[in-house]
Amino acid sequence: MFIGEKPDLLDLCVFREDSIYVVGKDGIPQHYDGEWTPETTENANPLMGIWGPHENCIYAVGIGGVVLHYDGKKWNQLDTGNYDSLNSAFGFNENCFFIFGVGGRMLYWDGEWNYREPNTIHDLFCMWGEDLDCLHTVGGEGVYRVYNGSTFERKEELTAEEISLYGVWGSRKDNVFIAGSHGTILRYQGEEWEPMESGTEEYLLSIWGTGDNDIFAVGDCGVILHFDGERWSPMDSGTENYLTKVKGLGPDQVYAVGDNGCVLRYDGKVWHDMSL
């Protein structure tokens, strides 16, 4: 199901420095509490994304529309009625979150599963917002939509169609960043989206930060970029593995995952290997 000695990792969920979950192409969630331990599930499908409001409520989604829920004791597979593959999940609490993926499939949970029309047939990869009334959503072929609390508003595409948008994150509503293919980074400061100089042509697959002046983007060939409030600069990742996601807890607790079981931690000064 995967290439290499260890599974290619596609997402992570960080609760504490001694409580981290990762998922990937082998379909087995792994938990870190000082050492990595595989979790027991009945799932055999690759898992693409993971999200949870707290440690006793975690969702993992993946190929074939699989949705796993962890209640703090065990993982259970849920039937949402959807069998289209899912790439990710994002939300605010146990009764307010989205799962989304291939072909524009978008489901919303508010106590029951509801379909939401994102006005696109392209794959959706990432979502971010401070509240339910303004959620930025990005996807393949330059797709960009904004959820206003009830519907997804169709926006003018931000890039040419050959540019896919993989990650979105903001420090506040008027300071939002998007990362994508061919080194694409876009920034919104309350008016228009503007391109930024990334210094790379590599695909950037994820973006996350701790504040206006401390933002990370990761992607192909081990690339990690850091934004200090003025410019993007390359960092030494110590790996050539493709990096698929970056998330964290603070300036000295930033984590990235990628191919062949790669897990990296940034301590505020350098990146360290803590792979599977």
C-alpha atoms as a PDB file:
ATOM      1  CA  MET A   1       0.000   0.000   0.000  1.00  0.00           C
ATOM      2  CA  PHE A   2       2.999   2.279   0.247  1.00  0.00           C
ATOM      3  CA  ILE A   3       6.510   2.560  -1.114  1.00  0.00           C
ATOM      4  CA  GLY A   4       9.522   2.429   1.193  1.00  0.00           C
ATOM      5  CA  GLU A   5      10.303   0.754   4.481  1.00  0.00           C
ATOM      6  CA  LYS A   6       7.865   2.959   6.394  1.00  0.00           C
ATOM      7  CA  PRO A   7       4.484   4.446   5.444  1.00  0.00           C
ATOM      8  CA  ASP A   8       4.247   7.776   3.686  1.00  0.00           C
ATOM      9  CA  LEU A   9       2.636  10.148   6.191  1.00  0.00           C
ATOM     10  CA  LEU A  10       0.023  12.627   5.010  1.00  0.00           C
ATOM     11  CA  ASP A  11      -1.230  14.488   8.086  1.00  0.00           C
ATOM     12  CA  LEU A  12      -0.803  14.985  11.820  1.00  0.00           C
ATOM     13  CA  CYS A  13      -2.740  16.208  14.834  1.00  0.00           C
ATOM     14  CA  VAL A  14      -0.752  17.725  17.709  1.00  0.00           C
ATOM     15  CA  PHE A  15      -2.313  17.998  21.177  1.00  0.00           C
ATOM     16  CA  ARG A  16       0.811  18.117  23.355  1.00  0.00           C
ATOM     17  CA  GLU A  17       4.485  17.416  22.807  1.00  0.00           C
ATOM     18  CA  ASP A  18       3.813  13.943  24.224  1.00  0.00           C
ATOM     19  CA  SER A  19       0.536  13.373  22.379  1.00  0.00           C
ATOM     20  CA  ILE A  20       0.789  13.463  18.583  1.00  0.00           C
ATOM     21  CA  TYR A  21      -1.170  11.454  16.015  1.00  0.00           C
ATOM     22  CA  VAL A  22      -0.090  10.835  12.419  1.00  0.00           C
ATOM     23  CA  VAL A  23      -1.832   9.088   9.521  1.00  0.00           C
ATOM     24  CA  GLY A  24      -0.744   7.965   6.081  1.00  0.00           C
ATOM     25  CA  LYS A  25      -0.935   5.570   3.196  1.00  0.00           C
ATOM     26  CA  ASP A  26      -0.831   2.407   5.306  1.00  0.00           C
ATOM     27  CA  GLY A  27      -4.159   3.344   6.913  1.00  0.00           C
ATOM     28  CA  ILE A  28      -2.852   2.879  10.476  1.00  0.00           C
ATOM     29  CA  PRO A  29      -2.950   5.866  12.869  1.00  0.00           C
ATOM     30  CA  GLN A  30       0.194   6.144  14.961  1.00  0.00           C
ATOM     31  CA  HIS A  31       0.389   7.843  18.372  1.00  0.00           C
ATOM     32  CA  TYR A  32       3.455   9.453  19.941  1.00  0.00           C
ATOM     33  CA  ASP A  33       3.716   9.654  23.737  1.00  0.00           C
ATOM     34  CA  GLY A  34       7.498   9.536  23.888  1.00  0.00           C
ATOM     35  CA  GLU A  35       7.627   6.719  21.373  1.00  0.00           C
ATOM     36  CA  TRP A  36       5.538   5.811  18.333  1.00  0.00           C
ATOM     37  CA  THR A  37       2.823   3.173  18.695  1.00  0.00           C
ATOM     38  CA  PRO A  38       0.457   1.952  15.952  1.00  0.00           C
ATOM     39  CA  GLU A  39      -3.250   2.174  16.802  1.00  0.00           C
ATOM     40  CA  THR A  40      -5.675  -0.715  16.273  1.00  0.00           C
ATOM     41  CA  THR A  41      -8.501  -0.142  13.767  1.00  0.00           C
ATOM     42  CA  GLU A  42     -10.521  -2.212  11.314  1.00  0.00           C
ATOM     43  CA  ASN A  43      -9.534   0.108   8.474  1.00  0.00           C
ATOM     44  CA  ALA A  44      -7.384  -0.965   5.523  1.00  0.00           C
ATOM     45  CA  ASN A  45      -7.712   2.178   3.370  1.00  0.00           C
ATOM     46  CA  PRO A  46      -5.063   4.917   3.155  1.00  0.00           C
ATOM     47  CA  LEU A  47      -5.790   7.794   5.536  1.00  0.00           C
ATOM     48  CA  MET A  48      -5.315  11.279   4.092  1.00  0.00           C
ATOM     49  CA  GLY A  49      -6.251  13.596   6.943  1.00  0.00           C
ATOM     50  CA  ILE A  50      -6.750  13.831  10.705  1.00  0.00           C
ATOM     51  CA  TRP A  51      -8.342  16.441  12.964  1.00  0.00           C
ATOM     52  CA  GLY A  52      -9.831  16.634  16.421  1.00  0.00           C
ATOM     53  CA  PRO A  53     -11.015  19.281  18.897  1.00  0.00           C
ATOM     54  CA  HIS A  54      -9.482  17.304  21.778  1.00  0.00           C
ATOM     55  CA  GLU A  55      -7.836  13.974  22.545  1.00  0.00           C
ATOM     56  CA  ASN A  56     -11.103  12.150  23.166  1.00  0.00           C
ATOM     57  CA  CYS A  57     -12.626  13.175  19.858  1.00  0.00           C
ATOM     58  CA  ILE A  58     -10.443  12.631  16.790  1.00  0.00           C
ATOM     59  CA  TYR A  59     -11.463  12.012  13.178  1.00  0.00           C
ATOM     60  CA  ALA A  60      -9.305  10.417  10.475  1.00  0.00           C
ATOM     61  CA  VAL A  61     -10.512  10.414   6.852  1.00  0.00           C
ATOM     62  CA  GLY A  62      -9.314   8.767   3.684  1.00  0.00           C
ATOM     63  CA  ILE A  63      -9.711   6.795   0.492  1.00  0.00           C
ATOM     64  CA  GLY A  64     -13.160   5.420  -0.300  1.00  0.00           C
ATOM     65  CA  GLY A  65     -14.828   7.925   2.018  1.00  0.00           C
ATOM     66  CA  VAL A  66     -13.565   6.154   5.134  1.00  0.00           C
ATOM     67  CA  VAL A  67     -14.134   8.075   8.382  1.00  0.00           C
ATOM     68  CA  LEU A  68     -12.658   6.823  11.654  1.00  0.00           C
ATOM     69  CA  HIS A  69     -13.568   8.300  15.040  1.00  0.00           C
ATOM     70  CA  TYR A  70     -11.486   7.972  18.207  1.00  0.00           C
ATOM     71  CA  ASP A  71     -13.332   8.459  21.505  1.00  0.00           C
ATOM     72  CA  GLY A  72     -10.286   8.281  23.755  1.00  0.00           C
ATOM     73  CA  LYS A  73     -10.472   4.507  24.032  1.00  0.00           C
ATOM     74  CA  LYS A  74     -10.857   2.977  20.586  1.00  0.00           C
ATOM     75  CA  TRP A  75     -11.244   3.789  16.898  1.00  0.00           C
ATOM     76  CA  ASN A  76     -14.624   3.145  15.267  1.00  0.00           C
ATOM     77  CA  GLN A  77     -15.495   3.365  11.587  1.00  0.00           C
ATOM     78  CA  LEU A  78     -18.453   5.637  10.783  1.00  0.00           C
ATOM     79  CA  ASP A  79     -20.906   5.406   7.907  1.00  0.00           C
ATOM     80  CA  THR A  80     -21.540   8.899   6.534  1.00  0.00           C
ATOM     81  CA  GLY A  81     -23.268   7.644   3.391  1.00  0.00           C
ATOM     82  CA  ASN A  82     -20.401   9.034   1.321  1.00  0.00           C
ATOM     83  CA  TYR A  83     -17.925   6.850  -0.551  1.00  0.00           C
ATOM     84  CA  ASP A  84     -15.957   9.541  -2.371  1.00  0.00           C
ATOM     85  CA  SER A  85     -12.397   9.793  -1.103  1.00  0.00           C
ATOM     86  CA  LEU A  86     -11.721  12.404   1.569  1.00  0.00           C
ATOM     87  CA  ASN A  87      -8.558  14.479   1.893  1.00  0.00           C
ATOM     88  CA  SER A  88      -8.951  16.370   5.134  1.00  0.00           C
ATOM     89  CA  ALA A  89     -11.084  17.654   8.010  1.00  0.00           C
ATOM     90  CA  PHE A  90     -11.394  21.027   9.726  1.00  0.00           C
ATOM     91  CA  GLY A  91     -13.627  22.439  12.404  1.00  0.00           C
ATOM     92  CA  PHE A  92     -14.127  24.115  15.740  1.00  0.00           C
ATOM     93  CA  ASN A  93     -15.723  21.621  18.119  1.00  0.00           C
ATOM     94  CA  GLU A  94     -17.388  18.197  18.331  1.00  0.00           C
ATOM     95  CA  ASN A  95     -20.547  19.438  16.616  1.00  0.00           C
ATOM     96  CA  CYS A  96     -19.089  21.846  14.090  1.00  0.00           C
ATOM     97  CA  PHE A  97     -16.645  20.504  11.515  1.00  0.00           C
ATOM     98  CA  PHE A  98     -16.224  19.666   7.833  1.00  0.00           C
ATOM     99  CA  ILE A  99     -14.761  16.678   6.003  1.00  0.00           C
ATOM    100  CA  PHE A 100     -13.915  17.132   2.330  1.00  0.00           C
ATOM    101  CA  GLY A 101     -12.005  15.775  -0.619  1.00  0.00           C
ATOM    102  CA  VAL A 102     -12.150  14.381  -4.136  1.00  0.00           C
ATOM    103  CA  GLY A 103     -14.479  15.911  -6.718  1.00  0.00           C
ATOM    104  CA  GLY A 104     -15.545  18.711  -4.406  1.00  0.00           C
ATOM    105  CA  ARG A 105     -17.137  16.359  -1.875  1.00  0.00           C
ATOM    106  CA  MET A 106     -17.977  18.341   1.272  1.00  0.00           C
ATOM    107  CA  LEU A 107     -19.812  17.082   4.373  1.00  0.00           C
ATOM    108  CA  TYR A 108     -20.660  19.058   7.513  1.00  0.00           C
ATOM    109  CA  TRP A 109     -21.367  17.618  10.962  1.00  0.00           C
ATOM    110  CA  ASP A 110     -23.603  19.531  13.376  1.00  0.00           C
ATOM    111  CA  GLY A 111     -24.974  16.486  15.165  1.00  0.00           C
ATOM    112  CA  GLU A 112     -25.803  14.791  11.878  1.00  0.00           C
ATOM    113  CA  TRP A 113     -24.111  14.597   8.493  1.00  0.00           C
ATOM    114  CA  ASN A 114     -25.174  17.173   5.905  1.00  0.00           C
ATOM    115  CA  TYR A 115     -23.917  17.726   2.383  1.00  0.00           C
ATOM    116  CA  ARG A 116     -22.585  21.188   1.566  1.00  0.00           C
ATOM    117  CA  GLU A 117     -22.257  22.343  -2.052  1.00  0.00           C
ATOM    118  CA  PRO A 118     -18.799  23.895  -2.575  1.00  0.00           C
ATOM    119  CA  ASN A 119     -19.572  24.915  -6.179  1.00  0.00           C
ATOM    120  CA  THR A 120     -16.692  22.970  -7.688  1.00  0.00           C
ATOM    121  CA  ILE A 121     -15.967  19.513  -9.049  1.00  0.00           C
ATOM    122  CA  HIS A 122     -12.251  19.836  -8.302  1.00  0.00           C
ATOM    123  CA  ASP A 123     -10.508  18.182  -5.364  1.00  0.00           C
ATOM    124  CA  LEU A 124     -10.487  20.132  -2.097  1.00  0.00           C
ATOM    125  CA  PHE A 125      -7.360  19.990   0.045  1.00  0.00           C
ATOM    126  CA  CYS A 126      -7.467  22.440   2.935  1.00  0.00           C
ATOM    127  CA  MET A 127      -9.660  24.812   4.928  1.00  0.00           C
ATOM    128  CA  TRP A 128      -8.956  27.517   7.510  1.00  0.00           C
ATOM    129  CA  GLY A 129     -10.870  30.205   9.346  1.00  0.00           C
ATOM    130  CA  GLU A 130     -11.334  31.795  12.749  1.00  0.00           C
ATOM    131  CA  ASP A 131     -15.064  31.127  12.790  1.00  0.00           C
ATOM    132  CA  LEU A 132     -17.836  29.510  10.773  1.00  0.00           C
ATOM    133  CA  ASP A 133     -18.726  32.759   8.968  1.00  0.00           C
ATOM    134  CA  CYS A 134     -15.480  33.004   7.001  1.00  0.00           C
ATOM    135  CA  LEU A 135     -13.774  29.772   6.007  1.00  0.00           C
ATOM    136  CA  HIS A 136     -11.152  29.849   3.259  1.00  0.00           C
ATOM    137  CA  THR A 137     -11.119  26.632   1.217  1.00  0.00           C
ATOM    138  CA  VAL A 138      -8.557  25.689  -1.453  1.00  0.00           C
ATOM    139  CA  GLY A 139      -8.108  22.897  -3.961  1.00  0.00           C
ATOM    140  CA  GLY A 140      -6.936  21.631  -7.297  1.00  0.00           C
ATOM    141  CA  GLU A 141      -6.642  23.767 -10.417  1.00  0.00           C
ATOM    142  CA  GLY A 142      -6.624  27.023  -8.469  1.00  0.00           C
ATOM    143  CA  VAL A 143      -9.973  26.482  -6.731  1.00  0.00           C
ATOM    144  CA  TYR A 144     -10.736  28.985  -3.953  1.00  0.00           C
ATOM    145  CA  ARG A 145     -14.038  29.202  -2.083  1.00  0.00           C
ATOM    146  CA  VAL A 146     -15.187  31.056   1.040  1.00  0.00           C
ATOM    147  CA  TYR A 147     -17.851  29.633   3.350  1.00  0.00           C
ATOM    148  CA  ASN A 148     -20.040  32.388   4.832  1.00  0.00           C
ATOM    149  CA  GLY A 149     -21.825  30.323   7.452  1.00  0.00           C
ATOM    150  CA  SER A 150     -24.430  28.859   5.126  1.00  0.00           C
ATOM    151  CA  THR A 151     -23.025  28.551   1.590  1.00  0.00           C
ATOM    152  CA  PHE A 152     -19.703  28.395  -0.220  1.00  0.00           C
ATOM    153  CA  GLU A 153     -19.218  31.569  -2.234  1.00  0.00           C
ATOM    154  CA  ARG A 154     -17.626  31.115  -5.620  1.00  0.00           C
ATOM    155  CA  LYS A 155     -14.594  33.397  -5.891  1.00  0.00           C
ATOM    156  CA  GLU A 156     -12.440  34.315  -8.844  1.00  0.00           C
ATOM    157  CA  GLU A 157      -9.658  31.795  -9.127  1.00  0.00           C
ATOM    158  CA  LEU A 158      -6.476  33.224  -7.627  1.00  0.00           C
ATOM    159  CA  THR A 159      -4.027  31.591 -10.030  1.00  0.00           C
ATOM    160  CA  ALA A 160      -3.815  29.950 -13.425  1.00  0.00           C
ATOM    161  CA  GLU A 161      -5.559  26.565 -13.642  1.00  0.00           C
ATOM    162  CA  GLU A 162      -2.269  24.687 -13.746  1.00  0.00           C
ATOM    163  CA  ILE A 163      -1.550  25.865 -10.186  1.00  0.00           C
ATOM    164  CA  SER A 164      -3.093  23.717  -7.451  1.00  0.00           C
ATOM    165  CA  LEU A 165      -3.574  25.205  -3.982  1.00  0.00           C
ATOM    166  CA  TYR A 166      -2.791  22.788  -1.163  1.00  0.00           C
ATOM    167  CA  GLY A 167      -2.620  24.710   2.102  1.00  0.00           C
ATOM    168  CA  VAL A 168      -4.233  27.717   3.767  1.00  0.00           C
ATOM    169  CA  TRP A 169      -3.619  29.283   7.192  1.00  0.00           C
ATOM    170  CA  GLY A 170      -3.976  32.679   8.798  1.00  0.00           C
ATOM    171  CA  SER A 171      -2.897  34.467  11.944  1.00  0.00           C
ATOM    172  CA  ARG A 172      -6.148  36.478  11.791  1.00  0.00           C
ATOM    173  CA  LYS A 173      -8.908  37.280   9.319  1.00  0.00           C
ATOM    174  CA  ASP A 174      -6.900  39.958   7.534  1.00  0.00           C
ATOM    175  CA  ASN A 175      -3.626  38.041   7.373  1.00  0.00           C
ATOM    176  CA  VAL A 176      -4.146  34.777   5.494  1.00  0.00           C
ATOM    177  CA  PHE A 177      -1.654  32.735   3.452  1.00  0.00           C
ATOM    178  CA  ILE A 178      -2.123  30.089   0.747  1.00  0.00           C
ATOM    179  CA  ALA A 179       0.560  27.646  -0.461  1.00  0.00           C
ATOM    180  CA  GLY A 180       0.511  25.682  -3.693  1.00  0.00           C
ATOM    181  CA  SER A 181       2.325  24.117  -6.596  1.00  0.00           C
ATOM    182  CA  HIS A 182       5.315  25.671  -8.385  1.00  0.00           C
ATOM    183  CA  GLY A 183       6.388  27.497  -5.219  1.00  0.00           C
ATOM    184  CA  THR A 184       3.165  29.488  -5.059  1.00  0.00           C
ATOM    185  CA  ILE A 185       2.485  31.544  -1.930  1.00  0.00           C
ATOM    186  CA  LEU A 186      -0.356  34.074  -1.804  1.00  0.00           C
ATOM    187  CA  ARG A 187      -1.197  36.559   0.951  1.00  0.00           C
ATOM    188  CA  TYR A 188      -4.446  38.303   1.867  1.00  0.00           C
ATOM    189  CA  GLN A 189      -4.314  41.401   4.080  1.00  0.00           C
ATOM    190  CA  GLY A 190      -7.926  42.475   3.988  1.00  0.00           C
ATOM    191  CA  GLU A 191      -8.238  43.644   0.381  1.00  0.00           C
ATOM    192  CA  GLU A 192      -6.758  41.599  -2.471  1.00  0.00           C
ATOM    193  CA  TRP A 193      -4.737  38.410  -2.670  1.00  0.00           C
ATOM    194  CA  GLU A 194      -1.147  39.144  -3.639  1.00  0.00           C
ATOM    195  CA  PRO A 195       1.598  36.730  -4.750  1.00  0.00           C
ATOM    196  CA  MET A 196       4.727  36.459  -2.607  1.00  0.00           C
ATOM    197  CA  GLU A 197       8.254  35.547  -3.633  1.00  0.00           C
ATOM    198  CA  SER A 198       8.946  32.091  -2.204  1.00  0.00           C
ATOM    199  CA  GLY A 199      12.346  31.507  -3.763  1.00  0.00           C
ATOM    200  CA  THR A 200      11.429  27.982  -4.873  1.00  0.00           C
ATOM    201  CA  GLU A 201       9.632  26.179  -7.672  1.00  0.00           C
ATOM    202  CA  GLU A 202       8.934  23.114  -5.534  1.00  0.00           C
ATOM    203  CA  TYR A 203       5.345  22.186  -4.722  1.00  0.00           C
ATOM    204  CA  LEU A 204       4.394  23.622  -1.332  1.00  0.00           C
ATOM    205  CA  LEU A 205       1.883  21.258   0.259  1.00  0.00           C
ATOM    206  CA  SER A 206       1.150  22.836   3.636  1.00  0.00           C
ATOM    207  CA  ILE A 207       1.437  26.105   5.550  1.00  0.00           C
ATOM    208  CA  TRP A 208       1.079  26.901   9.267  1.00  0.00           C
ATOM    209  CA  GLY A 209       2.353  29.447  11.727  1.00  0.00           C
ATOM    210  CA  THR A 210       2.387  30.748  15.284  1.00  0.00           C
ATOM    211  CA  GLY A 211       1.868  34.415  14.397  1.00  0.00           C
ATOM    212  CA  ASP A 212       2.384  37.163  11.845  1.00  0.00           C
ATOM    213  CA  ASN A 213       6.172  36.812  11.905  1.00  0.00           C
ATOM    214  CA  ASP A 214       6.602  33.064  12.331  1.00  0.00           C
ATOM    215  CA  ILE A 215       5.123  30.997   9.486  1.00  0.00           C
ATOM    216  CA  PHE A 216       6.297  27.733   7.930  1.00  0.00           C
ATOM    217  CA  ALA A 217       5.632  26.172   4.520  1.00  0.00           C
ATOM    218  CA  VAL A 218       6.707  22.637   3.580  1.00  0.00           C
ATOM    219  CA  GLY A 219       6.716  20.595   0.403  1.00  0.00           C
ATOM    220  CA  ASP A 220       8.534  18.474  -2.126  1.00  0.00           C
ATOM    221  CA  CYS A 221      12.144  17.349  -1.759  1.00  0.00           C
ATOM    222  CA  GLY A 222      12.308  18.241   1.949  1.00  0.00           C
ATOM    223  CA  VAL A 223      11.766  21.936   1.356  1.00  0.00           C
ATOM    224  CA  ILE A 224      10.892  24.048   4.403  1.00  0.00           C
ATOM    225  CA  LEU A 225      10.436  27.808   4.145  1.00  0.00           C
ATOM    226  CA  HIS A 226      10.112  30.296   7.006  1.00  0.00           C
ATOM    227  CA  PHE A 227       8.470  33.736   6.933  1.00  0.00           C
ATOM    228  CA  ASP A 228       9.744  36.258   9.474  1.00  0.00           C
ATOM    229  CA  GLY A 229       7.249  38.989   8.666  1.00  0.00           C
ATOM    230  CA  GLU A 230       9.325  40.397   5.815  1.00  0.00           C
ATOM    231  CA  ARG A 231      10.534  37.580   3.575  1.00  0.00           C
ATOM    232  CA  TRP A 232      10.500  33.832   3.005  1.00  0.00           C
ATOM    233  CA  SER A 233      13.792  32.018   3.603  1.00  0.00           C
ATOM    234  CA  PRO A 234      14.792  28.353   3.166  1.00  0.00           C
ATOM    235  CA  MET A 235      15.500  26.222   6.234  1.00  0.00           C
ATOM    236  CA  ASP A 236      17.682  23.138   6.557  1.00  0.00           C
ATOM    237  CA  SER A 237      15.234  20.252   7.010  1.00  0.00           C
ATOM    238  CA  GLY A 238      17.920  17.582   7.052  1.00  0.00           C
ATOM    239  CA  THR A 239      15.863  15.411   4.689  1.00  0.00           C
ATOM    240  CA  GLU A 240      14.998  14.999   1.024  1.00  0.00           C
ATOM    241  CA  ASN A 241      11.702  13.286   1.830  1.00  0.00           C
ATOM    242  CA  TYR A 242       8.615  15.005   0.496  1.00  0.00           C
ATOM    243  CA  LEU A 243       6.968  16.867   3.386  1.00  0.00           C
ATOM    244  CA  THR A 244       3.182  16.840   3.286  1.00  0.00           C
ATOM    245  CA  LYS A 245       1.965  18.728   6.390  1.00  0.00           C
ATOM    246  CA  VAL A 246       3.198  21.182   9.004  1.00  0.00           C
ATOM    247  CA  LYS A 247       1.422  21.964  12.287  1.00  0.00           C
ATOM    248  CA  GLY A 248       2.402  22.741  15.843  1.00  0.00           C
ATOM    249  CA  LEU A 249       1.833  24.166  19.295  1.00  0.00           C
ATOM    250  CA  GLY A 250       4.168  27.157  19.357  1.00  0.00           C
ATOM    251  CA  PRO A 251       7.435  28.658  18.078  1.00  0.00           C
ATOM    252  CA  ASP A 252       9.545  25.880  19.616  1.00  0.00           C
ATOM    253  CA  GLN A 253       7.087  23.057  18.938  1.00  0.00           C
ATOM    254  CA  VAL A 254       6.558  22.827  15.183  1.00  0.00           C
ATOM    255  CA  TYR A 255       6.136  19.450  13.471  1.00  0.00           C
ATOM    256  CA  ALA A 256       6.268  18.298   9.851  1.00  0.00           C
ATOM    257  CA  VAL A 257       5.487  14.869   8.383  1.00  0.00           C
ATOM    258  CA  GLY A 258       6.214  13.275   5.047  1.00  0.00           C
ATOM    259  CA  ASP A 259       7.305  10.282   3.019  1.00  0.00           C
ATOM    260  CA  ASN A 260       8.806   7.093   4.446  1.00  0.00           C
ATOM    261  CA  GLY A 261       7.581   7.728   7.991  1.00  0.00           C
ATOM    262  CA  CYS A 262       9.321  11.091   8.227  1.00  0.00           C
ATOM    263  CA  VAL A 263       8.464  13.223  11.268  1.00  0.00           C
ATOM    264  CA  LEU A 264      10.445  16.361  12.059  1.00  0.00           C
ATOM    265  CA  ARG A 265      10.319  18.690  15.063  1.00  0.00           C
ATOM    266  CA  TYR A 266      11.514  22.305  15.158  1.00  0.00           C
ATOM    267  CA  ASP A 267      12.675  23.506  18.575  1.00  0.00           C
ATOM    268  CA  GLY A 268      12.926  27.172  17.640  1.00  0.00           C
ATOM    269  CA  LYS A 269      16.474  26.801  16.346  1.00  0.00           C
ATOM    270  CA  VAL A 270      16.900  23.603  14.312  1.00  0.00           C
ATOM    271  CA  TRP A 271      14.825  20.734  12.927  1.00  0.00           C
ATOM    272  CA  HIS A 272      15.214  17.330  14.602  1.00  0.00           C
ATOM    273  CA  ASP A 273      14.320  13.881  13.271  1.00  0.00           C
ATOM    274  CA  MET A 274      11.700  11.965  15.270  1.00  0.00           C
ATOM    275  CA  SER A 275      10.537   9.661  12.481  1.00  0.00           C
ATOM    276  CA  LEU A 276       8.616   6.416  12.914  1.00  0.00           C
END
